[in-house]
Amino acid sequence: MTGLRAGLAAVAAVALALVAEAGLATALLRALGGGAKTAMATDRLLDLAWRHAALSLGAVAVAASLGVTLGLFVTRSMGAALRPLVDMLAAGLQAAPPVVVVALAFPALGFGAAPTALALVFYCLMPVLRGTVAGVAATPAEAKEAAYAMGFTRLQVIWRVELPLAAPVIADALRTALVLAIATAAVGALAGAATLGTPIIVGIQNQNELQILQGAAATAALAFLVDALWLLAVALYEARRPRE
């Protein structure tokens, strides 16, 4: 099933990438009754896609580190009392629209990728945090008790019992965060970051529907591509994992 989902996501990514290509995008716009517009060159789109992906991956890496660490902390006895507060803060950070976070970060971080990265970290923290908490909380008590009986320390129980058993849930949360980051990073163009939102912003400014179409299709294609690669990695892992 995971492999099928990866295949469908890959097909969607290829189809949308073709729509973003300059020649096909121009032909599609004309077929829809649009006028003659200047397309963004495909090599420029590819460069923006690399920058867009790098920005998103970096932000998700930070969000993953924070989310997993906080998730482990609030599932310990010493952090359990803070769990409602941590969850509320994470939910509040995600509730803030990324464009608002970008705007508020201007005075401190200036223009460019930094405000966008901060907004993406805020936006992606909650899925990872909740996925970690859910995965760790679902760890059977018998498994932990058996580990302690074998002489495992608390840290060993976390690394060798809880996290491996929680890995599927955490991986699904990371997939959600990654797709959210790819889809949202386009707003970084408002802050001067080089992302696939750039042709959208330029197109709006110049009333160029063709570049808006290219930017939107390319952003969606990248999101589907990342989703397909993640699902493929999960499918390969599941295929190679020893069966009980």
Foldseek 3Di string as FASTA:
>chain_A
DLLVLLVVLLVLLVVLLQCLAFVNVQVVCVVVVHDDDDHDHPVLLVVQAVLLLVLLVVLLVVLLVVQLVLLVQCPDPVNVVCVVVVLVQLVVLLPPQLLVQLVVCCVPPNFESVSLSVSLSSNLNNLLNVLNNVQLVPFDPVQLVVCVVVPDDPVCCVVPGRCVSSVVSNLVSSLVSSLVSLLRSLSSVVRVYRHLVVLLVVCVVVVNVSSVSSSVSNSSSSSSNSSSVSSVVVVVCVVPDDDD
